[in-house]
Amino acid sequence: MSKYIYGIDFGTTNSAISIIDTTTNEILKTFNESSLIFFPQPLQRSTSTTYFVGKEAIERYVASNMKGRFMKSIKRVLPRSGFTETRIFTKKYKAEDLVCIILKYLKEKADDFINEDIKKAVFGRPVVFDEDPVKDQLAQDRLLKASKLAGFEEVAFQMEPIAAAFTYERAISKKEMVLVADLGGGTSDFTLMKLSPSKLKSVHRKEDIIGQGGIYIGGDNFDSSIMWDKGTYHFGRGLTYKDFDNTVEVPKSFYLNITSWEKMNFFDSLRLQSALDKFDYLTGRNPRFKNLISLVRNNLGYSVFQSIEKAKIELSEKEKVNFEYAQSGIEFNEAISIEEFSKEIIGEDVQKIRAYLLDFLDKSNTKPAAIDTVFMTGGTSMVKPIKKFMVDLFGENAVKSGDNFNSVANGLAYSHVLFFKP
């Protein structure tokens, strides 16, 4: 029996795998990678489908002049009951097949590092994949199927913010009441938990968990809002055409689809292509609508969202940035101030997260002043309006940050004592 177990954080934006030596309870190595897949367009129809993951997916995508299928935010497909499969060139893929590709990639990296084929893993899951319990269970079932397809035989699931709490617990010297805020691409999850260095090896921790919950809002929602407010105009939102005596606006569904990555991944049907041609004609070959056609047909979605991500990251440090794009004849430059970003673009979503958190604390019978530490992790924890309301609620000294990309995977590995006997 191997002394190694993996902790695996399959994330919306990034994924990580931590290797723990169960005899010493020490993390040997953590690998992380962007949760991206690129399927290059085959040279011949009979050619089998190939794919690349993470950084190599980006490199191959760019090198191929964006010819193929580029997929991001696959985790957000897991709870979608309406998604059964997608055809990628000659092969059909279910949700678990797509997730399996990333899990196998991570497993192979870790297996190669320790030169073993490890079959046990603790997987993270958000507190809510979806606020509908049926869809939430569907998402976990699909993740379990993906783990089995990737070669794991014994699998346990741990809430991601609890895993982050276990990582933070190893850094404290006294008892603390801790709110863990795991803020990722797809969800904002919270766990309120009593932590103590004396509990590091304890198996029974249920009594230490005071509350846990989450809301289905994350960094992807912020990206979508930037695209809607600052990008979609340049792709024709608001254009009109004549339908007999009526003036009609181009369907908003086009623009709702290009603001959502999980929808944009599958936004390439023949029916859509026909609809684009129809509205191109109806809008008088308007240059802005031509941009939408170029976006879809040249598979430019990822490059647009890279520009959005760049602007969002820069807004964590600067008062004003530019969301600019220039590729395949599409050119625009939109200024975004931190005030506009905070209030008009993502203000509604930030307020929803704040309201959810206050309700969560109220249901846990806990006042903000009773919390010793707010441990923030996940890429969205760096968004300035999020951090600001946390500091306003709990005080600057209480708010701390961890390793935004590895703390959950490490905590999942530490969680092995809760699920697997030595």
Protein backbone atom coordinates (compact mmCIF):
# COMPACT_ATOMS: atom_id res chain seq x y z
CA MET A 1 0.00 0.00 0.00
CA SER A 2 1.38 3.38 -0.98
CA LYS A 3 2.20 5.98 1.67
CA TYR A 4 1.11 8.77 -0.71
CA ILE A 5 -2.35 10.31 -1.17
CA TYR A 6 -3.33 13.25 -3.38
CA GLY A 7 -5.35 16.33 -2.58
CA ILE A 8 -6.97 17.65 -5.77
CA ASP A 9 -8.51 21.08 -6.22
CA PHE A 10 -10.28 21.08 -9.59
CA GLY A 11 -11.02 24.76 -10.08
CA THR A 12 -12.93 26.92 -12.51
CA THR A 13 -9.81 28.88 -13.47
CA ASN A 14 -6.90 26.91 -11.98
CA SER A 15 -6.45 23.38 -10.69
CA ALA A 16 -3.89 21.94 -8.29
CA ILE A 17 -2.72 18.56 -6.98
CA SER A 18 -0.82 18.14 -3.71
CA ILE A 19 1.15 15.00 -2.81
CA ILE A 20 1.18 14.12 0.89
CA ASP A 21 3.38 11.54 2.61
CA THR A 22 0.95 9.98 5.08
CA THR A 23 3.78 8.70 7.32
CA THR A 24 5.03 12.23 8.02
CA ASN A 25 1.87 14.20 7.10
CA GLU A 26 4.04 16.54 5.06
CA ILE A 27 3.31 17.92 1.59
CA LEU A 28 6.02 16.77 -0.82
CA LYS A 29 5.00 18.77 -3.86
CA THR A 30 2.10 20.74 -5.31
CA PHE A 31 1.54 21.10 -9.03
CA ASN A 32 -0.92 23.65 -10.38
CA GLU A 33 -2.14 24.41 -13.86
CA SER A 34 -4.74 26.54 -15.62
CA SER A 35 -8.01 24.65 -16.18
CA LEU A 36 -7.82 24.97 -19.97
CA ILE A 37 -8.11 22.47 -22.83
CA PHE A 38 -7.33 23.06 -26.49
CA PHE A 39 -8.39 20.66 -29.23
CA PRO A 40 -6.47 21.49 -32.44
CA GLN A 41 -8.41 21.22 -35.65
CA PRO A 42 -7.41 17.88 -37.26
CA LEU A 43 -5.75 18.04 -40.67
CA GLN A 44 -8.03 15.27 -41.95
CA ARG A 45 -11.50 14.19 -40.84
CA SER A 46 -10.28 10.68 -40.09
CA THR A 47 -7.51 11.94 -37.78
CA SER A 48 -8.11 11.11 -34.12
CA THR A 49 -8.82 14.01 -31.76
CA THR A 50 -5.87 15.31 -29.75
CA TYR A 51 -5.77 17.87 -26.96
CA PHE A 52 -3.46 19.97 -24.79
CA VAL A 53 -3.91 21.20 -21.22
CA GLY A 54 -2.99 24.36 -19.31
CA LYS A 55 -0.11 26.54 -20.48
CA GLU A 56 0.57 24.25 -23.42
CA ALA A 57 -3.08 24.62 -24.45
CA ILE A 58 -2.57 28.39 -24.69
CA GLU A 59 0.70 28.03 -26.61
CA ARG A 60 -0.79 25.58 -29.12
CA TYR A 61 -3.93 27.66 -29.49
CA VAL A 62 -1.92 30.76 -30.37
CA ALA A 63 0.47 28.83 -32.63
CA SER A 64 -2.46 27.35 -34.59
CA ASN A 65 -3.92 30.83 -35.24
CA MET A 66 -6.83 29.82 -33.01
CA LYS A 67 -7.98 26.98 -35.27
CA GLY A 68 -9.68 24.43 -33.08
CA ARG A 69 -11.75 24.32 -29.86
CA PHE A 70 -10.45 26.17 -26.81
CA MET A 71 -12.27 25.46 -23.55
CA LYS A 72 -12.22 27.32 -20.24
CA SER A 73 -14.32 27.29 -17.04
CA ILE A 74 -15.33 23.66 -17.59
CA LYS A 75 -16.20 23.29 -13.89
CA ARG A 76 -19.22 25.51 -14.47
CA VAL A 77 -20.67 22.91 -16.86
CA LEU A 78 -20.85 20.23 -14.11
CA PRO A 79 -24.24 21.27 -12.63
CA ARG A 80 -25.88 21.99 -15.99
CA SER A 81 -28.49 19.26 -16.40
CA GLY A 82 -29.22 20.48 -19.93
CA PHE A 83 -25.67 19.73 -21.00
CA THR A 84 -25.39 16.09 -21.98
CA GLU A 85 -22.48 16.13 -24.44
CA THR A 86 -20.66 18.20 -27.02
CA ARG A 87 -19.13 17.04 -30.28
CA ILE A 88 -15.54 18.12 -30.79
CA PHE A 89 -14.67 17.31 -34.37
CA THR A 90 -15.25 13.53 -34.70
CA LYS A 91 -15.73 12.69 -31.01
CA LYS A 92 -18.46 13.31 -28.44
CA TYR A 93 -17.53 14.42 -24.91
CA LYS A 94 -19.69 14.37 -21.78
CA ALA A 95 -18.98 16.77 -18.92
CA GLU A 96 -17.04 14.11 -17.01
CA ASP A 97 -14.93 13.34 -20.10
CA LEU A 98 -13.80 16.97 -20.30
CA VAL A 99 -13.03 17.13 -16.57
CA CYS A 100 -11.18 13.80 -16.78
CA ILE A 101 -8.73 15.31 -19.29
CA ILE A 102 -7.53 17.84 -16.71
CA LEU A 103 -7.55 15.33 -13.83
CA LYS A 104 -5.49 12.82 -15.84
CA TYR A 105 -3.00 15.54 -16.70
CA LEU A 106 -2.55 16.43 -13.01
CA LYS A 107 -2.38 12.77 -11.94
CA GLU A 108 0.30 11.97 -14.51
CA LYS A 109 2.45 14.89 -13.31
CA ALA A 110 2.18 13.76 -9.69
CA ASP A 111 2.65 10.06 -10.51
CA ASP A 112 5.77 10.85 -12.52
CA PHE A 113 7.17 12.87 -9.61
CA ILE A 114 6.91 9.99 -7.10
CA ASN A 115 7.16 7.21 -9.70
CA GLU A 116 3.94 5.50 -8.51
CA ASP A 117 0.39 5.06 -9.76
CA ILE A 118 -1.64 6.55 -6.90
CA LYS A 119 -5.27 5.47 -6.56
CA LYS A 120 -6.42 7.48 -3.50
CA ALA A 121 -7.37 11.14 -3.50
CA VAL A 122 -9.36 13.72 -1.58
CA PHE A 123 -11.17 15.99 -4.02
CA GLY A 124 -12.40 19.45 -3.24
CA ARG A 125 -15.87 20.65 -4.00
CA PRO A 126 -17.45 24.07 -3.48
CA VAL A 127 -20.07 24.43 -0.77
CA VAL A 128 -22.49 24.98 -3.67
CA PHE A 129 -21.92 23.79 -7.20
CA ASP A 130 -25.47 25.06 -7.73
CA GLU A 131 -28.18 26.40 -5.43
CA ASP A 132 -30.55 23.70 -6.77
CA PRO A 133 -29.79 20.56 -4.66
CA VAL A 134 -30.49 18.23 -7.61
CA LYS A 135 -28.04 20.06 -9.86
CA ASP A 136 -25.54 20.28 -7.00
CA GLN A 137 -25.61 16.49 -6.61
CA LEU A 138 -25.35 16.04 -10.38
CA ALA A 139 -22.14 18.10 -10.35
CA GLN A 140 -20.54 15.98 -7.62
CA ASP A 141 -21.62 12.76 -9.36
CA ARG A 142 -20.00 13.95 -12.58
CA LEU A 143 -16.80 14.90 -10.73
CA LEU A 144 -16.76 11.42 -9.15
CA LYS A 145 -17.17 9.80 -12.59
CA ALA A 146 -14.35 11.96 -13.94
CA SER A 147 -12.07 10.90 -11.07
CA LYS A 148 -12.73 7.22 -11.81
CA LEU A 149 -12.08 7.74 -15.52
CA ALA A 150 -8.79 9.42 -14.58
CA GLY A 151 -7.64 6.31 -12.70
CA PHE A 152 -8.61 6.91 -9.05
CA GLU A 153 -10.24 4.02 -7.18
CA GLU A 154 -10.77 5.47 -3.69
CA VAL A 155 -12.16 9.01 -3.65
CA ALA A 156 -13.39 11.27 -0.86
CA PHE A 157 -14.88 14.76 -1.10
CA GLN A 158 -14.11 17.69 1.17
CA MET A 159 -15.56 21.20 1.10
CA GLU A 160 -12.93 23.53 -0.36
CA PRO A 161 -13.11 26.23 2.35
CA ILE A 162 -12.72 23.57 5.07
CA ALA A 163 -9.60 22.38 3.27
CA ALA A 164 -8.28 25.95 3.22
CA ALA A 165 -8.99 26.15 6.98
CA PHE A 166 -6.82 23.08 7.59
CA THR A 167 -3.97 24.77 5.73
CA TYR A 168 -4.35 27.98 7.75
CA GLU A 169 -4.53 25.99 11.02
CA ARG A 170 -0.93 24.87 10.55
CA ALA A 171 0.21 28.51 10.75
CA ILE A 172 -1.45 29.53 14.04
CA SER A 173 -0.14 29.29 17.62
CA LYS A 174 -3.41 29.61 19.58
CA LYS A 175 -7.14 28.92 19.30
CA GLU A 176 -8.96 31.10 16.79
CA MET A 177 -12.47 31.58 15.46
CA VAL A 178 -11.83 31.71 11.71
CA LEU A 179 -14.00 32.62 8.76
CA VAL A 180 -12.57 31.06 5.61
CA ALA A 181 -13.58 32.87 2.43
CA ASP A 182 -12.73 30.77 -0.63
CA LEU A 183 -13.40 33.09 -3.54
CA GLY A 184 -12.92 31.42 -6.91
CA GLY A 185 -14.00 31.76 -10.51
CA GLY A 186 -17.39 30.11 -10.08
CA THR A 187 -18.42 30.39 -6.42
CA SER A 188 -17.85 32.33 -3.22
CA ASP A 189 -17.75 29.83 -0.33
CA PHE A 190 -17.58 30.42 3.41
CA THR A 191 -16.80 28.25 6.41
CA LEU A 192 -16.88 29.37 10.03
CA MET A 193 -14.69 27.11 12.11
CA LYS A 194 -12.85 26.87 15.44
CA LEU A 195 -9.19 26.17 14.74
CA SER A 196 -6.39 25.23 17.10
CA PRO A 197 -2.81 23.95 16.66
CA SER A 198 -3.67 21.19 19.16
CA LYS A 199 -6.19 19.78 16.66
CA LEU A 200 -3.78 19.21 13.78
CA LYS A 201 -3.92 15.42 14.08
CA SER A 202 -7.50 15.16 15.25
CA VAL A 203 -9.82 13.00 13.15
CA HIS A 204 -13.11 14.29 14.57
CA ARG A 205 -13.64 17.92 13.53
CA LYS A 206 -17.40 18.08 12.95
CA GLU A 207 -17.99 19.85 16.26
CA ASP A 208 -15.49 22.57 15.27
CA ILE A 209 -17.48 23.57 12.16
CA ILE A 210 -19.99 26.24 13.14
CA GLY A 211 -21.35 26.95 9.68
CA GLN A 212 -20.71 26.61 5.99
CA GLY A 213 -22.37 28.02 2.91
CA GLY A 214 -21.80 29.61 -0.44
CA ILE A 215 -23.24 31.59 -3.29
CA TYR A 216 -22.92 30.87 -7.01
CA ILE A 217 -21.06 34.09 -7.81
CA GLY A 218 -17.34 34.35 -8.55
CA GLY A 219 -14.68 35.90 -10.72
CA ASP A 220 -16.27 34.64 -13.94
CA ASN A 221 -19.35 36.72 -13.13
CA PHE A 222 -17.14 39.81 -12.85
CA ASP A 223 -15.54 39.02 -16.22
CA SER A 224 -19.01 38.63 -17.73
CA SER A 225 -20.09 42.00 -16.35
CA ILE A 226 -17.03 43.72 -17.83
CA MET A 227 -17.78 42.10 -21.19
CA TRP A 228 -21.44 43.13 -21.05
CA ASP A 229 -20.83 46.72 -19.94
CA LYS A 230 -17.66 47.48 -21.87
CA GLY A 231 -17.36 44.89 -24.66
CA THR A 232 -20.68 43.88 -26.18
CA TYR A 233 -21.39 47.31 -27.71
CA HIS A 234 -18.38 46.71 -29.99
CA PHE A 235 -19.97 43.43 -31.15
CA GLY A 236 -23.29 45.00 -32.08
CA ARG A 237 -25.38 45.10 -28.91
CA GLY A 238 -28.11 47.70 -29.43
CA LEU A 239 -28.13 47.53 -33.23
CA THR A 240 -31.57 47.57 -34.84
CA TYR A 241 -33.14 46.52 -38.13
CA LYS A 242 -36.47 46.95 -39.89
CA ASP A 243 -39.06 44.18 -39.65
CA PHE A 244 -41.86 45.44 -41.91
CA ASP A 245 -42.90 48.69 -40.17
CA ASN A 246 -41.28 47.88 -36.85
CA THR A 247 -37.78 48.69 -35.63
CA VAL A 248 -36.40 45.63 -33.86
CA GLU A 249 -33.22 45.19 -31.83
CA VAL A 250 -30.75 42.40 -32.62
CA PRO A 251 -31.47 39.54 -30.15
CA LYS A 252 -29.75 40.01 -26.79
CA SER A 253 -29.15 36.23 -26.67
CA PHE A 254 -26.10 36.69 -28.91
CA TYR A 255 -24.53 38.97 -26.33
CA LEU A 256 -25.56 36.97 -23.28
CA ASN A 257 -23.76 34.01 -24.84
CA ILE A 258 -20.52 35.87 -25.47
CA THR A 259 -20.37 37.11 -21.86
CA SER A 260 -20.41 33.58 -20.43
CA TRP A 261 -17.51 31.22 -20.92
CA GLU A 262 -19.39 28.00 -20.31
CA LYS A 263 -21.88 29.00 -23.02
CA MET A 264 -19.24 30.40 -25.35
CA ASN A 265 -17.43 27.04 -25.26
CA PHE A 266 -20.34 25.61 -27.25
CA PHE A 267 -21.29 28.70 -29.24
CA ASP A 268 -20.37 27.41 -32.69
CA SER A 269 -23.34 25.54 -34.14
CA LEU A 270 -24.35 25.60 -37.80
CA ARG A 271 -27.66 27.16 -36.73
CA LEU A 272 -25.80 30.01 -35.10
CA GLN A 273 -23.64 30.54 -38.17
CA SER A 274 -26.78 30.83 -40.27
CA ALA A 275 -28.33 33.29 -37.79
CA LEU A 276 -25.21 35.45 -37.86
CA ASP A 277 -25.38 35.66 -41.65
CA LYS A 278 -29.05 36.61 -41.46
CA PHE A 279 -28.54 39.46 -38.98
CA ASP A 280 -25.42 40.64 -40.76
CA TYR A 281 -27.67 41.27 -43.78
CA LEU A 282 -30.52 42.77 -41.72
CA THR A 283 -28.20 45.25 -39.96
CA GLY A 284 -26.77 46.47 -43.26
CA ARG A 285 -23.37 44.78 -42.84
CA ASN A 286 -22.69 46.97 -39.83
CA PRO A 287 -18.99 46.91 -38.79
CA ARG A 288 -19.92 46.24 -35.16
CA PHE A 289 -21.91 43.14 -36.12
CA LYS A 290 -19.01 42.10 -38.37
CA ASN A 291 -16.94 42.06 -35.16
CA LEU A 292 -19.33 39.49 -33.65
CA ILE A 293 -18.98 37.29 -36.73
CA SER A 294 -15.20 37.56 -36.53
CA LEU A 295 -15.26 36.77 -32.79
CA VAL A 296 -17.23 33.56 -33.33
CA ARG A 297 -15.71 32.32 -36.58
CA ASN A 298 -12.11 33.06 -35.59
CA ASN A 299 -12.57 31.56 -32.12
CA LEU A 300 -11.34 34.76 -30.47
CA GLY A 301 -13.22 34.38 -27.18
CA TYR A 302 -10.21 33.40 -25.10
CA SER A 303 -8.11 36.31 -26.34
CA VAL A 304 -10.91 38.78 -25.53
CA PHE A 305 -11.28 37.35 -22.03
CA GLN A 306 -7.51 37.52 -21.55
CA SER A 307 -7.81 41.27 -22.08
CA ILE A 308 -10.68 41.38 -19.58
CA GLU A 309 -8.66 39.40 -17.01
CA LYS A 310 -5.69 41.73 -17.50
CA ALA A 311 -7.86 44.79 -16.84
CA LYS A 312 -9.46 43.17 -13.78
CA ILE A 313 -6.09 42.25 -12.27
CA GLU A 314 -4.68 45.74 -12.92
CA LEU A 315 -7.69 47.24 -11.12
CA SER A 316 -6.49 45.60 -7.90
CA GLU A 317 -3.54 48.02 -8.00
CA LYS A 318 -4.59 50.99 -10.15
CA GLU A 319 -7.36 53.59 -10.08
CA LYS A 320 -7.94 53.47 -13.83
CA VAL A 321 -7.11 50.93 -16.56
CA ASN A 322 -7.89 50.26 -20.21
CA PHE A 323 -9.77 47.25 -21.52
CA GLU A 324 -8.31 47.21 -25.01
CA TYR A 325 -8.43 44.71 -27.83
CA ALA A 326 -7.00 44.61 -31.36
CA GLN A 327 -7.14 41.42 -33.38
CA SER A 328 -8.62 40.14 -36.67
CA GLY A 329 -9.98 43.58 -37.54
CA ILE A 330 -11.64 44.08 -34.14
CA GLU A 331 -10.35 47.17 -32.37
CA PHE A 332 -11.58 49.02 -29.28
CA ASN A 333 -10.26 50.68 -26.15
CA GLU A 334 -12.50 51.23 -23.12
CA ALA A 335 -11.34 53.01 -19.97
CA ILE A 336 -12.50 51.55 -16.64
CA SER A 337 -12.08 53.38 -13.33
CA ILE A 338 -12.04 51.53 -10.01
CA GLU A 339 -15.13 53.53 -8.98
CA GLU A 340 -17.05 52.47 -12.11
CA PHE A 341 -15.86 48.88 -11.70
CA SER A 342 -16.84 48.75 -8.02
CA LYS A 343 -20.24 50.44 -8.28
CA GLU A 344 -21.63 50.05 -11.78
CA ILE A 345 -20.00 46.98 -13.29
CA ILE A 346 -19.71 44.45 -10.44
CA GLY A 347 -21.45 46.40 -7.66
CA GLU A 348 -24.62 44.30 -7.75
CA ASP A 349 -22.70 41.00 -7.51
CA VAL A 350 -20.46 42.32 -4.71
CA GLN A 351 -23.54 43.39 -2.76
CA LYS A 352 -25.08 39.94 -3.23
CA ILE A 353 -21.94 38.30 -1.83
CA ARG A 354 -21.88 40.75 1.10
CA ALA A 355 -25.59 40.24 1.84
CA TYR A 356 -25.15 36.47 1.67
CA LEU A 357 -22.20 36.61 4.08
CA LEU A 358 -24.10 38.75 6.60
CA ASP A 359 -27.06 36.36 6.45
CA PHE A 360 -24.67 33.41 6.82
CA LEU A 361 -23.14 34.94 9.98
CA ASP A 362 -26.59 35.77 11.35
CA LYS A 363 -27.75 32.17 10.89
CA SER A 364 -24.54 31.02 12.59
CA ASN A 365 -25.33 33.34 15.55
CA THR A 366 -21.95 35.00 15.11
CA LYS A 367 -21.20 38.72 15.09
CA PRO A 368 -18.31 40.00 12.92
CA ALA A 369 -16.53 41.17 16.10
CA ALA A 370 -16.40 37.57 17.39
CA ILE A 371 -14.26 36.43 14.45
CA ASP A 372 -10.51 36.46 15.11
CA THR A 373 -9.37 35.93 11.52
CA VAL A 374 -10.84 36.07 8.03
CA PHE A 375 -8.68 33.80 5.89
CA MET A 376 -9.15 34.71 2.24
CA THR A 377 -8.04 32.43 -0.56
CA GLY A 378 -8.80 31.97 -4.26
CA GLY A 379 -8.04 34.28 -7.16
CA THR A 380 -11.14 36.46 -6.65
CA SER A 381 -9.96 37.37 -3.13
CA MET A 382 -7.59 39.83 -4.82
CA VAL A 383 -10.44 41.88 -6.36
CA LYS A 384 -10.33 45.25 -4.60
CA PRO A 385 -14.09 45.78 -3.94
CA ILE A 386 -14.27 42.30 -2.37
CA LYS A 387 -11.32 42.91 -0.07
CA LYS A 388 -12.63 46.39 0.81
CA PHE A 389 -15.98 45.17 2.14
CA MET A 390 -14.22 42.40 4.08
CA VAL A 391 -11.92 44.95 5.74
CA ASP A 392 -14.89 47.25 6.42
CA LEU A 393 -16.77 44.38 8.12
CA PHE A 394 -14.00 42.72 10.09
CA GLY A 395 -11.16 45.21 10.38
CA GLU A 396 -7.85 45.34 8.55
CA ASN A 397 -5.95 43.33 11.17
CA ALA A 398 -8.39 40.41 10.96
CA VAL A 399 -8.25 39.95 7.20
CA LYS A 400 -5.42 37.69 6.02
CA SER A 401 -4.58 36.02 2.71
CA GLY A 402 -3.15 32.62 1.94
CA ASP A 403 -1.63 30.99 -1.11
CA ASN A 404 -4.42 31.73 -3.57
CA PHE A 405 -3.62 28.77 -5.81
CA ASN A 406 -2.31 26.02 -3.49
CA SER A 407 -3.90 26.39 -0.04
CA VAL A 408 -7.04 24.40 -0.91
CA ALA A 409 -5.11 21.52 -2.55
CA ASN A 410 -2.74 21.36 0.44
CA GLY A 411 -5.67 21.33 2.86
CA LEU A 412 -7.38 18.56 0.88
CA ALA A 413 -4.22 16.48 1.22
CA TYR A 414 -4.11 17.15 4.97
CA SER A 415 -7.77 16.03 5.11
CA HIS A 416 -6.79 12.44 4.25
CA VAL A 417 -6.86 11.53 7.98
CA LEU A 418 -10.61 12.19 8.01
CA PHE A 419 -11.37 9.74 5.21
CA PHE A 420 -8.69 7.06 4.87
CA LYS A 421 -7.43 4.71 7.57
CA PRO A 422 -3.63 4.43 7.93
